[in-house]
């Protein structure tokens, strides 16, 4: 209720991660949380569209990863940011489509995680954000440090970090930012996971 929301208006941190919560993520209550700095709803089963959080000017950490959120990320997403750096935004492992909104690229020194969604484009504005991810990966890998391009993957990050994105064997992956080559939920073992396990086993055998 509106009365209940007003009683929580001074809330700074809301952490409801790993709680088996579901249903449509509400989009009309967040305006009441003017002082909210940290919001964690990750590892649940929330569905629906992504709120803009444009009026949450104090919000610096947002984690909505590992849910079932869908649709296009709104152009106004996070446009209420009152400073240019120090943000952590995790939207990984949902079902977002389209692309990351260009206004996000105006922020500096951001940690943005968006792997394993259904993005089909990436604005060039993101490719020179040298301050993102503490500055090293974007300077080395450009766009690939934000999201691996279609037909490639990098396990488990979905982007180039310490090594470039790897090419999928069948080159049929159509989405940006995949941490493995097969589509999520296909029921098959992913090539990225198999490769990583193989490296671990070989390393263990060599150490014997």
Protein backbone atom coordinates (compact mmCIF):
# COMPACT_ATOMS: atom_id res chain seq x y z
CA UNK A 1 0.00 0.00 0.00
CA UNK A 2 1.01 3.66 -0.35
CA UNK A 3 1.04 4.06 3.44
CA UNK A 4 3.34 1.07 3.81
CA UNK A 5 5.68 2.40 1.11
CA UNK A 6 5.88 5.81 2.78
CA UNK A 7 6.99 4.17 6.02
CA UNK A 8 9.93 2.66 4.14
CA UNK A 9 10.91 5.87 2.35
CA UNK A 10 14.11 6.23 4.40
CA UNK A 11 15.32 2.71 3.58
CA UNK A 12 18.96 2.61 2.43
CA UNK A 13 19.45 -1.10 1.71
CA UNK A 14 16.96 -3.72 0.54
CA UNK A 15 18.34 -7.23 0.12
CA UNK A 16 15.87 -9.96 -0.82
CA UNK A 17 18.23 -12.15 -2.83
CA UNK A 18 17.98 -15.97 -2.81
CA UNK A 19 14.46 -15.93 -1.39
CA UNK A 20 12.50 -17.92 -4.02
CA UNK A 21 10.37 -14.84 -4.69
CA UNK A 22 8.39 -14.64 -7.91
CA UNK A 23 5.65 -12.84 -9.78
CA UNK A 24 5.85 -9.64 -11.77
CA UNK A 25 8.42 -7.17 -10.53
CA UNK A 26 6.49 -4.03 -9.49
CA UNK A 27 7.31 -0.92 -11.49
CA UNK A 28 5.31 1.70 -9.60
CA UNK A 29 6.70 1.57 -6.04
CA UNK A 30 10.32 2.57 -6.46
CA UNK A 31 9.61 6.31 -6.57
CA UNK A 32 8.93 6.07 -2.83
CA UNK A 33 12.47 4.92 -2.03
CA UNK A 34 14.32 8.21 -2.44
CA UNK A 35 17.29 7.23 -0.26
CA UNK A 36 17.74 3.64 -1.43
CA UNK A 37 21.41 2.96 -2.18
CA UNK A 38 21.48 -0.84 -2.55
CA UNK A 39 18.77 -3.04 -4.06
CA UNK A 40 19.36 -6.78 -4.40
CA UNK A 41 16.60 -8.97 -5.79
CA UNK A 42 18.90 -11.44 -7.54
CA UNK A 43 18.48 -15.21 -7.69
CA UNK A 44 14.69 -15.19 -7.58
CA UNK A 45 12.08 -15.77 -10.30
CA UNK A 46 10.71 -12.26 -10.83
CA UNK A 47 9.17 -11.67 -14.26
CA UNK A 48 7.94 -8.66 -16.18
CA UNK A 49 9.68 -5.55 -17.47
CA UNK A 50 12.55 -3.62 -15.95
CA UNK A 51 11.66 -0.45 -14.01
CA UNK A 52 13.62 2.67 -14.97
CA UNK A 53 14.77 3.49 -11.41
CA UNK A 54 15.19 6.98 -12.86
CA UNK A 55 13.97 8.69 -9.69
CA UNK A 56 16.19 6.66 -7.35
CA UNK A 57 18.99 9.20 -7.39
CA UNK A 58 20.82 7.60 -4.43
CA UNK A 59 20.91 4.11 -5.95
CA UNK A 60 24.48 2.92 -6.58
CA UNK A 61 24.12 -0.88 -6.47
CA UNK A 62 21.39 -2.75 -8.34
CA UNK A 63 21.40 -6.53 -8.69
CA UNK A 64 18.53 -8.15 -10.60
CA UNK A 65 20.55 -11.06 -11.98
CA UNK A 66 19.19 -14.60 -12.29
CA UNK A 67 15.52 -13.76 -12.65
CA UNK A 68 13.07 -14.06 -15.55
CA UNK A 69 12.79 -10.40 -16.50
CA UNK A 70 11.92 -9.69 -20.12
CA UNK A 71 11.50 -6.91 -22.65
CA UNK A 72 13.70 -4.02 -23.73
CA UNK A 73 15.70 -2.09 -21.14
CA UNK A 74 13.99 1.33 -21.02
CA UNK A 75 15.89 4.30 -22.44
CA UNK A 76 15.38 6.14 -19.15
CA UNK A 77 17.00 3.35 -17.13
CA UNK A 78 19.28 4.83 -14.45
CA UNK A 79 19.08 8.32 -15.99
CA UNK A 80 18.54 9.80 -12.52
CA UNK A 81 22.15 9.06 -11.58
CA UNK A 82 23.54 12.10 -9.77
CA UNK A 83 27.19 11.17 -10.13
CA UNK A 84 29.16 9.68 -12.97
CA UNK A 85 31.00 6.85 -11.21
CA UNK A 86 30.88 4.18 -8.55
CA UNK A 87 27.90 2.18 -9.81
CA UNK A 88 27.43 -1.58 -9.86
CA UNK A 89 24.58 -2.84 -12.07
CA UNK A 90 23.96 -6.56 -12.56
CA UNK A 91 21.29 -7.62 -15.08
CA UNK A 92 22.85 -10.97 -16.00
CA UNK A 93 20.89 -14.13 -16.75
CA UNK A 94 17.50 -12.71 -17.59
CA UNK A 95 15.68 -12.53 -20.92
CA UNK A 96 16.23 -8.88 -21.87
CA UNK A 97 16.30 -8.17 -25.60
CA UNK A 98 17.34 -5.33 -27.88
CA UNK A 99 20.39 -3.47 -26.62
CA UNK A 100 21.81 -1.63 -23.64
CA UNK A 101 20.40 1.94 -23.64
CA UNK A 102 22.91 4.51 -24.88
CA UNK A 103 22.51 6.91 -21.90
CA UNK A 104 24.24 4.33 -19.69
CA UNK A 105 27.43 5.01 -21.63
CA UNK A 106 27.56 8.53 -20.18
CA UNK A 107 28.51 7.08 -16.78
CA UNK A 108 32.16 6.50 -15.90
CA UNK A 109 33.73 3.87 -13.65
CA UNK A 110 30.77 1.51 -13.80
CA UNK A 111 30.65 -2.23 -13.27
CA UNK A 112 27.86 -3.42 -15.58
CA UNK A 113 27.10 -7.13 -15.91
CA UNK A 114 24.63 -8.11 -18.64
CA UNK A 115 25.68 -11.58 -19.79
CA UNK A 116 23.30 -14.32 -20.89
CA UNK A 117 20.40 -12.22 -22.10
CA UNK A 118 19.07 -11.81 -25.64
CA UNK A 119 20.79 -8.62 -26.78
CA UNK A 120 21.15 -8.28 -30.55
CA UNK A 121 23.02 -4.97 -30.71
CA UNK A 122 25.55 -2.89 -28.77
CA UNK A 123 25.94 0.88 -29.10
CA UNK A 124 29.44 2.01 -30.04
CA UNK A 125 29.37 4.54 -27.19
CA UNK A 126 30.17 1.72 -24.78
CA UNK A 127 33.33 0.66 -26.57
CA UNK A 128 35.59 3.43 -25.24
CA UNK A 129 34.42 3.42 -21.62
CA UNK A 130 37.97 2.92 -20.41
CA UNK A 131 37.04 3.57 -16.79
CA UNK A 132 34.54 0.71 -16.67
CA UNK A 133 35.52 -2.50 -14.83
CA UNK A 134 38.44 -0.62 -13.26
CA UNK A 135 39.81 0.38 -16.62
CA UNK A 136 41.84 -2.58 -17.86
CA UNK A 137 39.52 -4.78 -19.91
CA UNK A 138 37.80 -2.11 -22.03
CA UNK A 139 41.11 -0.52 -22.95
CA UNK A 140 42.39 -3.92 -24.08
CA UNK A 141 39.30 -5.40 -25.76
CA UNK A 142 36.95 -2.52 -26.59
CA UNK A 143 33.33 -3.59 -27.20
CA UNK A 144 34.13 -7.21 -26.37
CA UNK A 145 34.89 -6.15 -22.79
CA UNK A 146 31.26 -5.08 -22.42
CA UNK A 147 29.63 -8.08 -24.15
CA UNK A 148 31.10 -10.81 -26.35
CA UNK A 149 29.75 -10.44 -29.92
CA UNK A 150 27.35 -12.99 -31.46
CA UNK A 151 29.00 -16.26 -32.38
CA UNK A 152 31.44 -16.01 -29.47
CA UNK A 153 31.44 -16.62 -25.74
CA UNK A 154 33.58 -16.32 -22.63
CA UNK A 155 32.95 -18.53 -19.62
CA UNK A 156 31.79 -17.46 -17.09
CA UNK A 157 31.70 -13.69 -17.74
CA UNK A 158 30.16 -13.32 -21.21
CA UNK A 159 32.75 -10.64 -21.99
CA UNK A 160 36.49 -10.35 -22.56
CA UNK A 161 38.30 -9.92 -19.26
CA UNK A 162 41.74 -11.53 -19.02
CA UNK A 163 41.46 -13.16 -22.43
CA UNK A 164 39.51 -12.48 -25.65
CA UNK A 165 36.08 -13.93 -26.38
CA UNK A 166 36.23 -17.42 -27.86
CA UNK A 167 34.58 -18.47 -31.11
CA UNK A 168 31.67 -20.92 -30.85
CA UNK A 169 32.28 -24.08 -32.87
CA UNK A 170 29.03 -23.84 -34.84
CA UNK A 171 28.98 -19.99 -34.89
CA UNK A 172 25.19 -19.95 -34.64
CA UNK A 173 24.87 -18.04 -31.37
CA UNK A 174 22.95 -14.87 -32.24
CA UNK A 175 23.12 -12.91 -29.00
CA UNK A 176 25.70 -10.65 -27.41
CA UNK A 177 27.23 -11.46 -24.05
CA UNK A 178 26.99 -15.24 -23.90
CA UNK A 179 29.01 -17.16 -21.33
CA UNK A 180 28.58 -20.37 -23.35
CA UNK A 181 27.57 -21.32 -26.86
CA UNK A 182 24.30 -23.19 -26.46
CA UNK A 183 21.06 -21.39 -25.65
CA UNK A 184 20.09 -21.42 -21.95
CA UNK A 185 17.65 -24.17 -21.06
CA UNK A 186 18.52 -26.34 -24.03
CA UNK A 187 19.30 -29.25 -21.73
CA UNK A 188 22.69 -29.88 -23.33
CA UNK A 189 26.10 -29.50 -21.75
CA UNK A 190 27.65 -26.22 -22.90
CA UNK A 191 30.94 -26.11 -24.73
CA UNK A 192 32.28 -23.43 -22.38
CA UNK A 193 31.66 -25.54 -19.31
CA UNK A 194 33.19 -28.63 -20.92
CA UNK A 195 36.28 -26.66 -21.94
CA UNK A 196 36.75 -25.27 -18.45
CA UNK A 197 36.35 -28.71 -16.86
CA UNK A 198 38.86 -30.16 -19.33
CA UNK A 199 41.43 -27.52 -18.40
CA UNK A 200 40.90 -28.24 -14.70
CA UNK A 201 41.29 -32.01 -15.17
CA UNK A 202 44.45 -31.61 -17.26
CA UNK A 203 45.93 -29.27 -14.67
CA UNK A 204 45.15 -31.77 -11.93
CA UNK A 205 46.74 -34.63 -13.86
CA UNK A 206 49.88 -32.62 -14.57
CA UNK A 207 50.18 -31.77 -10.89
CA UNK A 208 50.17 -35.47 -9.92
